[in-house]
Amino acid sequence: MRQILTFAAVGVVNTATYYCLYLVFLTGLPYLAAHVLAFALSMVGSFFLNARFTYRIRPTWRKFLLFPLTNVTNLLVTTAGVYLIVDVLHAGSRFAPLLASAVAVPVTFVVSRWVMLPKPIA
């Protein structure tokens, strides 16, 4: 239960970081480019926060390089969601990423836990 709550808290920090970066990049880039760039940068912070606080592990290059794989589903779901909200529903690009990211969070936790924690030896 502690891991889920900590993951959620890190997620709030990560989402705030992402959203601030998204709004900054949105001033000079198309919304999808702003989304992908903000997502990539906030993912680096997410890795270190989750390693330290959620999973209490030492970050390694291997885990750092694998961590983006945990967010592929998140990226695909949020990108599709942002596109759907903006281009299909015409709801505007300002809050679209927040709505779209809510759908991907549970999947990201499961995959993140699988990558970050050591595997039991059989």
PDB file of N, CA and C in Angstrom:
ATOM      1  N   MET A   1       0.823  -1.185   0.000  1.00  0.00           N
ATOM      2  CA  MET A   1       0.000   0.000   0.000  1.00  0.00           C
ATOM      3  C   MET A   1       0.875   1.259   0.000  1.00  0.00           C
ATOM      4  N   ARG A   2       1.997   1.217   0.735  1.00  0.00           N
ATOM      5  CA  ARG A   2       2.903   2.355   0.764  1.00  0.00           C
ATOM      6  C   ARG A   2       3.408   2.663  -0.634  1.00  0.00           C
ATOM      7  N   GLN A   3       3.752   1.623  -1.398  1.00  0.00           N
ATOM      8  CA  GLN A   3       4.267   1.837  -2.753  1.00  0.00           C
ATOM      9  C   GLN A   3       3.229   2.514  -3.639  1.00  0.00           C
ATOM     10  N   ILE A   4       1.996   2.093  -3.529  1.00  0.00           N
ATOM     11  CA  ILE A   4       0.953   2.685  -4.373  1.00  0.00           C
ATOM     12  C   ILE A   4       0.751   4.152  -4.020  1.00  0.00           C
ATOM     13  N   LEU A   5       0.722   4.458  -2.722  1.00  0.00           N
ATOM     14  CA  LEU A   5       0.537   5.846  -2.296  1.00  0.00           C
ATOM     15  C   LEU A   5       1.728   6.717  -2.694  1.00  0.00           C
ATOM     16  N   THR A   6       2.924   6.181  -2.521  1.00  0.00           N
ATOM     17  CA  THR A   6       4.122   6.929  -2.911  1.00  0.00           C
ATOM     18  C   THR A   6       4.167   7.110  -4.423  1.00  0.00           C
ATOM     19  N   PHE A   7       3.819   6.054  -5.157  1.00  0.00           N
ATOM     20  CA  PHE A   7       3.762   6.153  -6.615  1.00  0.00           C
ATOM     21  C   PHE A   7       2.780   7.244  -7.031  1.00  0.00           C
ATOM     22  N   ALA A   8       1.645   7.295  -6.355  1.00  0.00           N
ATOM     23  CA  ALA A   8       0.650   8.332  -6.664  1.00  0.00           C
ATOM     24  C   ALA A   8       1.193   9.727  -6.356  1.00  0.00           C
ATOM     25  N   ALA A   9       1.889   9.883  -5.227  1.00  0.00           N
ATOM     26  CA  ALA A   9       2.461  11.183  -4.867  1.00  0.00           C
ATOM     27  C   ALA A   9       3.535  11.603  -5.879  1.00  0.00           C
ATOM     28  N   VAL A  10       4.386  10.667  -6.251  1.00  0.00           N
ATOM     29  CA  VAL A  10       5.395  10.954  -7.275  1.00  0.00           C
ATOM     30  C   VAL A  10       4.700  11.295  -8.590  1.00  0.00           C
ATOM     31  N   GLY A  11       3.613  10.612  -8.872  1.00  0.00           N
ATOM     32  CA  GLY A  11       2.847  10.888 -10.076  1.00  0.00           C
ATOM     33  C   GLY A  11       2.292  12.300 -10.099  1.00  0.00           C
ATOM     34  N   VAL A  12       1.848  12.781  -8.941  1.00  0.00           N
ATOM     35  CA  VAL A  12       1.338  14.160  -8.861  1.00  0.00           C
ATOM     36  C   VAL A  12       2.460  15.149  -9.156  1.00  0.00           C
ATOM     37  N   VAL A  13       3.620  14.927  -8.553  1.00  0.00           N
ATOM     38  CA  VAL A  13       4.775  15.799  -8.804  1.00  0.00           C
ATOM     39  C   VAL A  13       5.176  15.724 -10.272  1.00  0.00           C
ATOM     40  N   ASN A  14       5.224  14.504 -10.805  1.00  0.00           N
ATOM     41  CA  ASN A  14       5.606  14.310 -12.199  1.00  0.00           C
ATOM     42  C   ASN A  14       4.599  14.972 -13.140  1.00  0.00           C
ATOM     43  N   THR A  15       3.324  14.831 -12.843  1.00  0.00           N
ATOM     44  CA  THR A  15       2.296  15.441 -13.684  1.00  0.00           C
ATOM     45  C   THR A  15       2.381  16.957 -13.646  1.00  0.00           C
ATOM     46  N   ALA A  16       2.633  17.511 -12.467  1.00  0.00           N
ATOM     47  CA  ALA A  16       2.783  18.973 -12.354  1.00  0.00           C
ATOM     48  C   ALA A  16       3.996  19.449 -13.154  1.00  0.00           C
ATOM     49  N   THR A  17       5.095  18.705 -13.059  1.00  0.00           N
ATOM     50  CA  THR A  17       6.291  19.043 -13.822  1.00  0.00           C
ATOM     51  C   THR A  17       6.007  18.971 -15.317  1.00  0.00           C
ATOM     52  N   TYR A  18       5.399  17.855 -15.708  1.00  0.00           N
ATOM     53  CA  TYR A  18       5.041  17.679 -17.113  1.00  0.00           C
ATOM     54  C   TYR A  18       4.149  18.825 -17.593  1.00  0.00           C
ATOM     55  N   TYR A  19       3.124  19.136 -16.834  1.00  0.00           N
ATOM     56  CA  TYR A  19       2.148  20.127 -17.277  1.00  0.00           C
ATOM     57  C   TYR A  19       2.775  21.521 -17.387  1.00  0.00           C
ATOM     58  N   CYS A  20       3.626  21.877 -16.445  1.00  0.00           N
ATOM     59  CA  CYS A  20       4.327  23.167 -16.526  1.00  0.00           C
ATOM     60  C   CYS A  20       5.209  23.219 -17.770  1.00  0.00           C
ATOM     61  N   LEU A  21       5.963  22.152 -18.005  1.00  0.00           N
ATOM     62  CA  LEU A  21       6.798  22.094 -19.210  1.00  0.00           C
ATOM     63  C   LEU A  21       5.942  22.141 -20.470  1.00  0.00           C
ATOM     64  N   TYR A  22       4.832  21.416 -20.463  1.00  0.00           N
ATOM     65  CA  TYR A  22       3.925  21.415 -21.613  1.00  0.00           C
ATOM     66  C   TYR A  22       3.439  22.821 -21.928  1.00  0.00           C
ATOM     67  N   LEU A  23       3.018  23.552 -20.904  1.00  0.00           N
ATOM     68  CA  LEU A  23       2.523  24.910 -21.132  1.00  0.00           C
ATOM     69  C   LEU A  23       3.625  25.833 -21.658  1.00  0.00           C
ATOM     70  N   VAL A  24       4.841  25.661 -21.141  1.00  0.00           N
ATOM     71  CA  VAL A  24       5.968  26.467 -21.629  1.00  0.00           C
ATOM     72  C   VAL A  24       6.251  26.135 -23.096  1.00  0.00           C
ATOM     73  N   PHE A  25       6.340  24.846 -23.415  1.00  0.00           N
ATOM     74  CA  PHE A  25       6.638  24.436 -24.790  1.00  0.00           C
ATOM     75  C   PHE A  25       5.494  24.767 -25.746  1.00  0.00           C
ATOM     76  N   LEU A  26       4.277  24.797 -25.227  1.00  0.00           N
ATOM     77  CA  LEU A  26       3.106  25.089 -26.053  1.00  0.00           C
ATOM     78  C   LEU A  26       3.148  26.505 -26.618  1.00  0.00           C
ATOM     79  N   THR A  27       3.902  27.380 -25.973  1.00  0.00           N
ATOM     80  CA  THR A  27       3.999  28.755 -26.477  1.00  0.00           C
ATOM     81  C   THR A  27       4.777  28.847 -27.777  1.00  0.00           C
ATOM     82  N   GLY A  28       5.616  27.849 -28.062  1.00  0.00           N
ATOM     83  CA  GLY A  28       6.420  27.918 -29.277  1.00  0.00           C
ATOM     84  C   GLY A  28       6.363  26.690 -30.162  1.00  0.00           C
ATOM     85  N   LEU A  29       5.659  25.655 -29.711  1.00  0.00           N
ATOM     86  CA  LEU A  29       5.610  24.406 -30.476  1.00  0.00           C
ATOM     87  C   LEU A  29       4.166  23.970 -30.691  1.00  0.00           C
ATOM     88  N   PRO A  30       3.912  23.133 -31.703  1.00  0.00           N
ATOM     89  CA  PRO A  30       2.589  22.523 -31.828  1.00  0.00           C
ATOM     90  C   PRO A  30       2.302  21.642 -30.600  1.00  0.00           C
ATOM     91  N   TYR A  31       1.035  21.442 -30.284  1.00  0.00           N
ATOM     92  CA  TYR A  31       0.683  20.758 -29.038  1.00  0.00           C
ATOM     93  C   TYR A  31       1.252  19.351 -28.927  1.00  0.00           C
ATOM     94  N   LEU A  32       1.318  18.576 -30.021  1.00  0.00           N
ATOM     95  CA  LEU A  32       1.864  17.222 -29.918  1.00  0.00           C
ATOM     96  C   LEU A  32       3.365  17.245 -29.654  1.00  0.00           C
ATOM     97  N   ALA A  33       4.087  18.158 -30.275  1.00  0.00           N
ATOM     98  CA  ALA A  33       5.528  18.286 -30.015  1.00  0.00           C
ATOM     99  C   ALA A  33       5.759  18.729 -28.569  1.00  0.00           C
ATOM    100  N   ALA A  34       4.959  19.670 -28.092  1.00  0.00           N
ATOM    101  CA  ALA A  34       5.064  20.121 -26.697  1.00  0.00           C
ATOM    102  C   ALA A  34       4.784  18.968 -25.745  1.00  0.00           C
ATOM    103  N   HIS A  35       3.795  18.164 -26.072  1.00  0.00           N
ATOM    104  CA  HIS A  35       3.427  17.006 -25.247  1.00  0.00           C
ATOM    105  C   HIS A  35       4.569  15.994 -25.164  1.00  0.00           C
ATOM    106  N   VAL A  36       5.114  15.607 -26.307  1.00  0.00           N
ATOM    107  CA  VAL A  36       6.167  14.584 -26.331  1.00  0.00           C
ATOM    108  C   VAL A  36       7.433  15.076 -25.637  1.00  0.00           C
ATOM    109  N   LEU A  37       7.836  16.313 -25.875  1.00  0.00           N
ATOM    110  CA  LEU A  37       9.043  16.859 -25.241  1.00  0.00           C
ATOM    111  C   LEU A  37       8.872  16.975 -23.727  1.00  0.00           C
ATOM    112  N   ALA A  38       7.750  17.492 -23.294  1.00  0.00           N
ATOM    113  CA  ALA A  38       7.485  17.610 -21.847  1.00  0.00           C
ATOM    114  C   ALA A  38       7.421  16.233 -21.207  1.00  0.00           C
ATOM    115  N   PHE A  39       6.830  15.287 -21.898  1.00  0.00           N
ATOM    116  CA  PHE A  39       6.721  13.919 -21.389  1.00  0.00           C
ATOM    117  C   PHE A  39       8.108  13.305 -21.191  1.00  0.00           C
ATOM    118  N   ALA A  40       8.963  13.441 -22.198  1.00  0.00           N
ATOM    119  CA  ALA A  40      10.314  12.864 -22.121  1.00  0.00           C
ATOM    120  C   ALA A  40      11.118  13.469 -20.971  1.00  0.00           C
ATOM    121  N   LEU A  41      11.053  14.773 -20.820  1.00  0.00           N
ATOM    122  CA  LEU A  41      11.811  15.425 -19.750  1.00  0.00           C
ATOM    123  C   LEU A  41      11.269  15.076 -18.363  1.00  0.00           C
ATOM    124  N   SER A  42       9.972  15.031 -18.228  1.00  0.00           N
ATOM    125  CA  SER A  42       9.415  14.705 -16.910  1.00  0.00           C
ATOM    126  C   SER A  42       9.647  13.243 -16.555  1.00  0.00           C
ATOM    127  N   MET A  43       9.826  12.389 -17.555  1.00  0.00           N
ATOM    128  CA  MET A  43      10.089  10.976 -17.296  1.00  0.00           C
ATOM    129  C   MET A  43      11.441  10.776 -16.611  1.00  0.00           C
ATOM    130  N   VAL A  44      12.413  11.599 -16.923  1.00  0.00           N
ATOM    131  CA  VAL A  44      13.726  11.506 -16.265  1.00  0.00           C
ATOM    132  C   VAL A  44      13.556  11.768 -14.768  1.00  0.00           C
ATOM    133  N   GLY A  45      12.834  12.827 -14.431  1.00  0.00           N
ATOM    134  CA  GLY A  45      12.570  13.112 -13.021  1.00  0.00           C
ATOM    135  C   GLY A  45      11.779  12.011 -12.354  1.00  0.00           C
ATOM    136  N   SER A  46      10.815  11.463 -13.061  1.00  0.00           N
ATOM    137  CA  SER A  46       9.995  10.376 -12.527  1.00  0.00           C
ATOM    138  C   SER A  46      10.843   9.157 -12.179  1.00  0.00           C
ATOM    139  N   PHE A  47      11.803   8.844 -13.027  1.00  0.00           N
ATOM    140  CA  PHE A  47      12.672   7.695 -12.748  1.00  0.00           C
ATOM    141  C   PHE A  47      13.383   7.861 -11.408  1.00  0.00           C
ATOM    142  N   PHE A  48      14.018   9.009 -11.206  1.00  0.00           N
ATOM    143  CA  PHE A  48      14.788   9.211  -9.984  1.00  0.00           C
ATOM    144  C   PHE A  48      13.895   9.299  -8.748  1.00  0.00           C
ATOM    145  N   LEU A  49      12.753   9.943  -8.859  1.00  0.00           N
ATOM    146  CA  LEU A  49      11.827  10.017  -7.717  1.00  0.00           C
ATOM    147  C   LEU A  49      11.269   8.639  -7.366  1.00  0.00           C
ATOM    148  N   ASN A  50      10.905   7.865  -8.380  1.00  0.00           N
ATOM    149  CA  ASN A  50      10.382   6.524  -8.101  1.00  0.00           C
ATOM    150  C   ASN A  50      11.454   5.598  -7.555  1.00  0.00           C
ATOM    151  N   ALA A  51      12.659   5.686  -8.078  1.00  0.00           N
ATOM    152  CA  ALA A  51      13.744   4.851  -7.560  1.00  0.00           C
ATOM    153  C   ALA A  51      13.983   5.153  -6.079  1.00  0.00           C
ATOM    154  N   ARG A  52      14.051   6.432  -5.754  1.00  0.00           N
ATOM    155  CA  ARG A  52      14.381   6.843  -4.384  1.00  0.00           C
ATOM    156  C   ARG A  52      13.232   6.637  -3.403  1.00  0.00           C
ATOM    157  N   PHE A  53      12.048   7.094  -3.768  1.00  0.00           N
ATOM    158  CA  PHE A  53      10.954   7.128  -2.794  1.00  0.00           C
ATOM    159  C   PHE A  53       9.952   5.981  -2.926  1.00  0.00           C
ATOM    160  N   THR A  54       9.613   5.574  -4.127  1.00  0.00           N
ATOM    161  CA  THR A  54       8.600   4.529  -4.289  1.00  0.00           C
ATOM    162  C   THR A  54       9.189   3.152  -4.061  1.00  0.00           C
ATOM    163  N   TYR A  55      10.280   2.852  -4.752  1.00  0.00           N
ATOM    164  CA  TYR A  55      10.841   1.499  -4.699  1.00  0.00           C
ATOM    165  C   TYR A  55      12.061   1.380  -3.799  1.00  0.00           C
ATOM    166  N   ARG A  56      12.591   2.508  -3.353  1.00  0.00           N
ATOM    167  CA  ARG A  56      13.746   2.537  -2.452  1.00  0.00           C
ATOM    168  C   ARG A  56      14.895   1.675  -2.959  1.00  0.00           C
ATOM    169  N   ILE A  57      15.248   1.942  -4.201  1.00  0.00           N
ATOM    170  CA  ILE A  57      16.351   1.217  -4.839  1.00  0.00           C
ATOM    171  C   ILE A  57      17.394   2.219  -5.300  1.00  0.00           C
ATOM    172  N   ARG A  58      18.576   1.699  -5.562  1.00  0.00           N
ATOM    173  CA  ARG A  58      19.636   2.537  -6.107  1.00  0.00           C
ATOM    174  C   ARG A  58      19.451   2.606  -7.616  1.00  0.00           C
ATOM    175  N   PRO A  59      19.399   3.830  -8.169  1.00  0.00           N
ATOM    176  CA  PRO A  59      19.265   3.938  -9.628  1.00  0.00           C
ATOM    177  C   PRO A  59      20.487   3.350 -10.326  1.00  0.00           C
ATOM    178  N   THR A  60      20.257   2.647 -11.383  1.00  0.00           N
ATOM    179  CA  THR A  60      21.342   2.109 -12.202  1.00  0.00           C
ATOM    180  C   THR A  60      21.103   2.525 -13.646  1.00  0.00           C
ATOM    181  N   TRP A  61      22.157   2.472 -14.435  1.00  0.00           N
ATOM    182  CA  TRP A  61      22.002   2.791 -15.852  1.00  0.00           C
ATOM    183  C   TRP A  61      21.045   1.819 -16.519  1.00  0.00           C
ATOM    184  N   ARG A  62      21.111   0.566 -16.156  1.00  0.00           N
ATOM    185  CA  ARG A  62      20.230  -0.446 -16.758  1.00  0.00           C
ATOM    186  C   ARG A  62      18.767  -0.100 -16.515  1.00  0.00           C
ATOM    187  N   LYS A  63      18.437   0.196 -15.266  1.00  0.00           N
ATOM    188  CA  LYS A  63      17.053   0.542 -14.931  1.00  0.00           C
ATOM    189  C   LYS A  63      16.655   1.870 -15.576  1.00  0.00           C
ATOM    190  N   PHE A  64      17.596   2.813 -15.619  1.00  0.00           N
ATOM    191  CA  PHE A  64      17.314   4.095 -16.258  1.00  0.00           C
ATOM    192  C   PHE A  64      16.982   3.902 -17.737  1.00  0.00           C
ATOM    193  N   LEU A  65      17.734   3.014 -18.398  1.00  0.00           N
ATOM    194  CA  LEU A  65      17.494   2.762 -19.813  1.00  0.00           C
ATOM    195  C   LEU A  65      16.225   1.947 -20.050  1.00  0.00           C
ATOM    196  N   LEU A  66      15.852   1.109 -19.085  1.00  0.00           N
ATOM    197  CA  LEU A  66      14.613   0.328 -19.210  1.00  0.00           C
ATOM    198  C   LEU A  66      13.371   1.127 -18.803  1.00  0.00           C
ATOM    199  N   PHE A  67      13.544   2.110 -17.942  1.00  0.00           N
ATOM    200  CA  PHE A  67      12.406   2.852 -17.408  1.00  0.00           C
ATOM    201  C   PHE A  67      11.511   3.458 -18.484  1.00  0.00           C
ATOM    202  N   PRO A  68      12.060   4.020 -19.559  1.00  0.00           N
ATOM    203  CA  PRO A  68      11.160   4.555 -20.588  1.00  0.00           C
ATOM    204  C   PRO A  68      10.200   3.512 -21.157  1.00  0.00           C
ATOM    205  N   LEU A  69      10.611   2.248 -21.148  1.00  0.00           N
ATOM    206  CA  LEU A  69       9.704   1.207 -21.627  1.00  0.00           C
ATOM    207  C   LEU A  69       8.443   1.127 -20.764  1.00  0.00           C
ATOM    208  N   THR A  70       8.595   1.471 -19.489  1.00  0.00           N
ATOM    209  CA  THR A  70       7.423   1.429 -18.607  1.00  0.00           C
ATOM    210  C   THR A  70       6.422   2.502 -18.976  1.00  0.00           C
ATOM    211  N   ASN A  71       6.879   3.505 -19.658  1.00  0.00           N
ATOM    212  CA  ASN A  71       6.001   4.622 -20.003  1.00  0.00           C
ATOM    213  C   ASN A  71       5.538   4.616 -21.450  1.00  0.00           C
ATOM    214  N   VAL A  72       5.918   3.591 -22.207  1.00  0.00           N
ATOM    215  CA  VAL A  72       5.478   3.530 -23.602  1.00  0.00           C
ATOM    216  C   VAL A  72       3.948   3.485 -23.663  1.00  0.00           C
ATOM    217  N   THR A  73       3.350   2.655 -22.846  1.00  0.00           N
ATOM    218  CA  THR A  73       1.889   2.587 -22.821  1.00  0.00           C
ATOM    219  C   THR A  73       1.313   3.931 -22.398  1.00  0.00           C
ATOM    220  N   ASN A  74       1.916   4.520 -21.377  1.00  0.00           N
ATOM    221  CA  ASN A  74       1.461   5.829 -20.916  1.00  0.00           C
ATOM    222  C   ASN A  74       1.554   6.848 -22.044  1.00  0.00           C
ATOM    223  N   LEU A  75       2.673   6.869 -22.733  1.00  0.00           N
ATOM    224  CA  LEU A  75       2.861   7.819 -23.835  1.00  0.00           C
ATOM    225  C   LEU A  75       1.830   7.588 -24.939  1.00  0.00           C
ATOM    226  N   LEU A  76       1.625   6.336 -25.307  1.00  0.00           N
ATOM    227  CA  LEU A  76       0.672   6.037 -26.374  1.00  0.00           C
ATOM    228  C   LEU A  76      -0.756   6.411 -25.975  1.00  0.00           C
ATOM    229  N   VAL A  77      -1.136   6.057 -24.750  1.00  0.00           N
ATOM    230  CA  VAL A  77      -2.500   6.361 -24.294  1.00  0.00           C
ATOM    231  C   VAL A  77      -2.696   7.867 -24.156  1.00  0.00           C
ATOM    232  N   THR A  78      -1.730   8.557 -23.551  1.00  0.00           N
ATOM    233  CA  THR A  78      -1.905   9.999 -23.380  1.00  0.00           C
ATOM    234  C   THR A  78      -1.847  10.738 -24.714  1.00  0.00           C
ATOM    235  N   THR A  79      -0.966  10.305 -25.614  1.00  0.00           N
ATOM    236  CA  THR A  79      -0.889  10.958 -26.917  1.00  0.00           C
ATOM    237  C   THR A  79      -2.190  10.754 -27.696  1.00  0.00           C
ATOM    238  N   ALA A  80      -2.687   9.524 -27.696  1.00  0.00           N
ATOM    239  CA  ALA A  80      -3.968   9.267 -28.365  1.00  0.00           C
ATOM    240  C   ALA A  80      -5.086  10.062 -27.694  1.00  0.00           C
ATOM    241  N   GLY A  81      -5.058  10.135 -26.373  1.00  0.00           N
ATOM    242  CA  GLY A  81      -6.071  10.890 -25.648  1.00  0.00           C
ATOM    243  C   GLY A  81      -6.022  12.376 -25.956  1.00  0.00           C
ATOM    244  N   VAL A  82      -4.813  12.927 -25.987  1.00  0.00           N
ATOM    245  CA  VAL A  82      -4.661  14.351 -26.314  1.00  0.00           C
ATOM    246  C   VAL A  82      -5.182  14.612 -27.727  1.00  0.00           C
ATOM    247  N   TYR A  83      -4.821  13.750 -28.658  1.00  0.00           N
ATOM    248  CA  TYR A  83      -5.301  13.899 -30.036  1.00  0.00           C
ATOM    249  C   TYR A  83      -6.836  13.819 -30.087  1.00  0.00           C
ATOM    250  N   LEU A  84      -7.382  12.835 -29.422  1.00  0.00           N
ATOM    251  CA  LEU A  84      -8.842  12.654 -29.409  1.00  0.00           C
ATOM    252  C   LEU A  84      -9.542  13.882 -28.820  1.00  0.00           C
ATOM    253  N   ILE A  85      -9.046  14.354 -27.686  1.00  0.00           N
ATOM    254  CA  ILE A  85      -9.661  15.501 -27.019  1.00  0.00           C
ATOM    255  C   ILE A  85      -9.547  16.766 -27.864  1.00  0.00           C
ATOM    256  N   VAL A  86      -8.376  16.999 -28.443  1.00  0.00           N
ATOM    257  CA  VAL A  86      -8.134  18.247 -29.184  1.00  0.00           C
ATOM    258  C   VAL A  86      -8.728  18.196 -30.592  1.00  0.00           C
ATOM    259  N   ASP A  87      -8.363  17.163 -31.358  1.00  0.00           N
ATOM    260  CA  ASP A  87      -8.746  17.155 -32.775  1.00  0.00           C
ATOM    261  C   ASP A  87     -10.112  16.537 -33.057  1.00  0.00           C
ATOM    262  N   VAL A  88     -10.544  15.592 -32.240  1.00  0.00           N
ATOM    263  CA  VAL A  88     -11.823  14.946 -32.496  1.00  0.00           C
ATOM    264  C   VAL A  88     -12.952  15.635 -31.721  1.00  0.00           C
ATOM    265  N   LEU A  89     -12.704  15.875 -30.430  1.00  0.00           N
ATOM    266  CA  LEU A  89     -13.746  16.489 -29.594  1.00  0.00           C
ATOM    267  C   LEU A  89     -13.690  18.017 -29.594  1.00  0.00           C
ATOM    268  N   HIS A  90     -12.603  18.585 -30.119  1.00  0.00           N
ATOM    269  CA  HIS A  90     -12.410  20.041 -30.198  1.00  0.00           C
ATOM    270  C   HIS A  90     -12.563  20.706 -28.824  1.00  0.00           C
ATOM    271  N   ALA A  91     -11.977  20.073 -27.819  1.00  0.00           N
ATOM    272  CA  ALA A  91     -12.111  20.569 -26.452  1.00  0.00           C
ATOM    273  C   ALA A  91     -10.977  21.496 -26.037  1.00  0.00           C
ATOM    274  N   GLY A  92      -9.983  21.708 -26.860  1.00  0.00           N
ATOM    275  CA  GLY A  92      -8.887  22.599 -26.517  1.00  0.00           C
ATOM    276  C   GLY A  92      -7.678  21.841 -26.016  1.00  0.00           C
ATOM    277  N   SER A  93      -6.522  22.427 -26.226  1.00  0.00           N
ATOM    278  CA  SER A  93      -5.264  21.744 -25.900  1.00  0.00           C
ATOM    279  C   SER A  93      -4.747  22.035 -24.499  1.00  0.00           C
ATOM    280  N   ARG A  94      -5.307  22.974 -23.805  1.00  0.00           N
ATOM    281  CA  ARG A  94      -4.765  23.387 -22.515  1.00  0.00           C
ATOM    282  C   ARG A  94      -4.894  22.312 -21.432  1.00  0.00           C
ATOM    283  N   PHE A  95      -6.032  21.667 -21.307  1.00  0.00           N
ATOM    284  CA  PHE A  95      -6.240  20.680 -20.247  1.00  0.00           C
ATOM    285  C   PHE A  95      -6.287  19.243 -20.755  1.00  0.00           C
ATOM    286  N   ALA A  96      -6.155  19.061 -22.040  1.00  0.00           N
ATOM    287  CA  ALA A  96      -6.228  17.730 -22.634  1.00  0.00           C
ATOM    288  C   ALA A  96      -5.237  16.730 -22.032  1.00  0.00           C
ATOM    289  N   PRO A  97      -3.978  17.114 -21.782  1.00  0.00           N
ATOM    290  CA  PRO A  97      -3.032  16.136 -21.230  1.00  0.00           C
ATOM    291  C   PRO A  97      -3.417  15.643 -19.835  1.00  0.00           C
ATOM    292  N   LEU A  98      -4.011  16.493 -19.028  1.00  0.00           N
ATOM    293  CA  LEU A  98      -4.403  16.076 -17.679  1.00  0.00           C
ATOM    294  C   LEU A  98      -5.507  15.032 -17.742  1.00  0.00           C
ATOM    295  N   LEU A  99      -6.466  15.240 -18.616  1.00  0.00           N
ATOM    296  CA  LEU A  99      -7.552  14.276 -18.764  1.00  0.00           C
ATOM    297  C   LEU A  99      -7.044  12.954 -19.326  1.00  0.00           C
ATOM    298  N   ALA A 100      -6.195  13.038 -20.331  1.00  0.00           N
ATOM    299  CA  ALA A 100      -5.688  11.831 -20.981  1.00  0.00           C
ATOM    300  C   ALA A 100      -4.775  11.017 -20.063  1.00  0.00           C
ATOM    301  N   SER A 101      -4.016  11.680 -19.215  1.00  0.00           N
ATOM    302  CA  SER A 101      -3.068  10.949 -18.363  1.00  0.00           C
ATOM    303  C   SER A 101      -3.757  10.132 -17.280  1.00  0.00           C
ATOM    304  N   ALA A 102      -4.935  10.514 -16.872  1.00  0.00           N
ATOM    305  CA  ALA A 102      -5.652   9.770 -15.829  1.00  0.00           C
ATOM    306  C   ALA A 102      -5.950   8.340 -16.253  1.00  0.00           C
ATOM    307  N   VAL A 103      -6.105   8.115 -17.529  1.00  0.00           N
ATOM    308  CA  VAL A 103      -6.420   6.782 -18.035  1.00  0.00           C
ATOM    309  C   VAL A 103      -5.206   5.856 -17.961  1.00  0.00           C
ATOM    310  N   ALA A 104      -4.022   6.386 -18.129  1.00  0.00           N
ATOM    311  CA  ALA A 104      -2.815   5.562 -18.252  1.00  0.00           C
ATOM    312  C   ALA A 104      -2.106   5.260 -16.936  1.00  0.00           C
ATOM    313  N   VAL A 105      -2.442   5.931 -15.861  1.00  0.00           N
ATOM    314  CA  VAL A 105      -1.699   5.796 -14.603  1.00  0.00           C
ATOM    315  C   VAL A 105      -1.676   4.368 -14.040  1.00  0.00           C
ATOM    316  N   PRO A 106      -2.792   3.649 -13.949  1.00  0.00           N
ATOM    317  CA  PRO A 106      -2.723   2.291 -13.372  1.00  0.00           C
ATOM    318  C   PRO A 106      -1.806   1.343 -14.142  1.00  0.00           C
ATOM    319  N   VAL A 107      -1.838   1.418 -15.447  1.00  0.00           N
ATOM    320  CA  VAL A 107      -0.981   0.551 -16.262  1.00  0.00           C
ATOM    321  C   VAL A 107       0.480   0.894 -16.029  1.00  0.00           C
ATOM    322  N   THR A 108       0.784   2.167 -15.936  1.00  0.00           N
ATOM    323  CA  THR A 108       2.158   2.606 -15.713  1.00  0.00           C
ATOM    324  C   THR A 108       2.697   2.079 -14.384  1.00  0.00           C
ATOM    325  N   PHE A 109       1.871   2.073 -13.336  1.00  0.00           N
ATOM    326  CA  PHE A 109       2.321   1.550 -12.041  1.00  0.00           C
ATOM    327  C   PHE A 109       2.718   0.085 -12.145  1.00  0.00           C
ATOM    328  N   VAL A 110       1.887  -0.726 -12.749  1.00  0.00           N
ATOM    329  CA  VAL A 110       2.154  -2.162 -12.844  1.00  0.00           C
ATOM    330  C   VAL A 110       3.446  -2.424 -13.621  1.00  0.00           C
ATOM    331  N   VAL A 111       3.611  -1.781 -14.744  1.00  0.00           N
ATOM    332  CA  VAL A 111       4.803  -2.001 -15.569  1.00  0.00           C
ATOM    333  C   VAL A 111       6.045  -1.425 -14.892  1.00  0.00           C
ATOM    334  N   SER A 112       5.909  -0.269 -14.257  1.00  0.00           N
ATOM    335  CA  SER A 112       7.023   0.351 -13.542  1.00  0.00           C
ATOM    336  C   SER A 112       7.526  -0.549 -12.416  1.00  0.00           C
ATOM    337  N   ARG A 113       6.616  -1.098 -11.679  1.00  0.00           N
ATOM    338  CA  ARG A 113       6.982  -1.997 -10.567  1.00  0.00           C
ATOM    339  C   ARG A 113       7.737  -3.213 -11.090  1.00  0.00           C
ATOM    340  N   TRP A 114       7.282  -3.741 -12.207  1.00  0.00           N
ATOM    341  CA  TRP A 114       7.914  -4.915 -12.804  1.00  0.00           C
ATOM    342  C   TRP A 114       9.351  -4.610 -13.230  1.00  0.00           C
ATOM    343  N   VAL A 115       9.601  -3.421 -13.786  1.00  0.00           N
ATOM    344  CA  VAL A 115      10.944  -3.050 -14.252  1.00  0.00           C
ATOM    345  C   VAL A 115      11.858  -2.660 -13.093  1.00  0.00           C
ATOM    346  N   MET A 116      11.339  -1.919 -12.133  1.00  0.00           N
ATOM    347  CA  MET A 116      12.184  -1.336 -11.101  1.00  0.00           C
ATOM    348  C   MET A 116      12.593  -2.302  -9.994  1.00  0.00           C
ATOM    349  N   LEU A 117      11.711  -3.227  -9.642  1.00  0.00           N
ATOM    350  CA  LEU A 117      12.020  -4.114  -8.519  1.00  0.00           C
ATOM    351  C   LEU A 117      12.782  -5.348  -8.989  1.00  0.00           C
ATOM    352  N   PRO A 118      13.691  -5.837  -8.131  1.00  0.00           N
ATOM    353  CA  PRO A 118      14.443  -7.034  -8.503  1.00  0.00           C
ATOM    354  C   PRO A 118      13.510  -8.228  -8.658  1.00  0.00           C
ATOM    355  N   LYS A 119      13.860  -9.104  -9.557  1.00  0.00           N
ATOM    356  CA  LYS A 119      13.069 -10.299  -9.797  1.00  0.00           C
ATOM    357  C   LYS A 119      13.454 -11.364  -8.766  1.00  0.00           C
ATOM    358  N   PRO A 120      12.470 -12.092  -8.228  1.00  0.00           N
ATOM    359  CA  PRO A 120      12.810 -13.168  -7.295  1.00  0.00           C
ATOM    360  C   PRO A 120      13.569 -14.286  -8.035  1.00  0.00           C
ATOM    361  N   ILE A 121      14.531 -14.822  -7.346  1.00  0.00           N
ATOM    362  CA  ILE A 121      15.329 -15.909  -7.924  1.00  0.00           C
ATOM    363  C   ILE A 121      14.564 -17.211  -7.711  1.00  0.00           C
ATOM    364  N   ALA A 122      14.375 -17.938  -8.800  1.00  0.00           N
ATOM    365  CA  ALA A 122      13.582 -19.179  -8.730  1.00  0.00           C
ATOM    366  C   ALA A 122      14.409 -20.332  -8.262  1.00  0.00           C
TER     367      ALA A 122
END
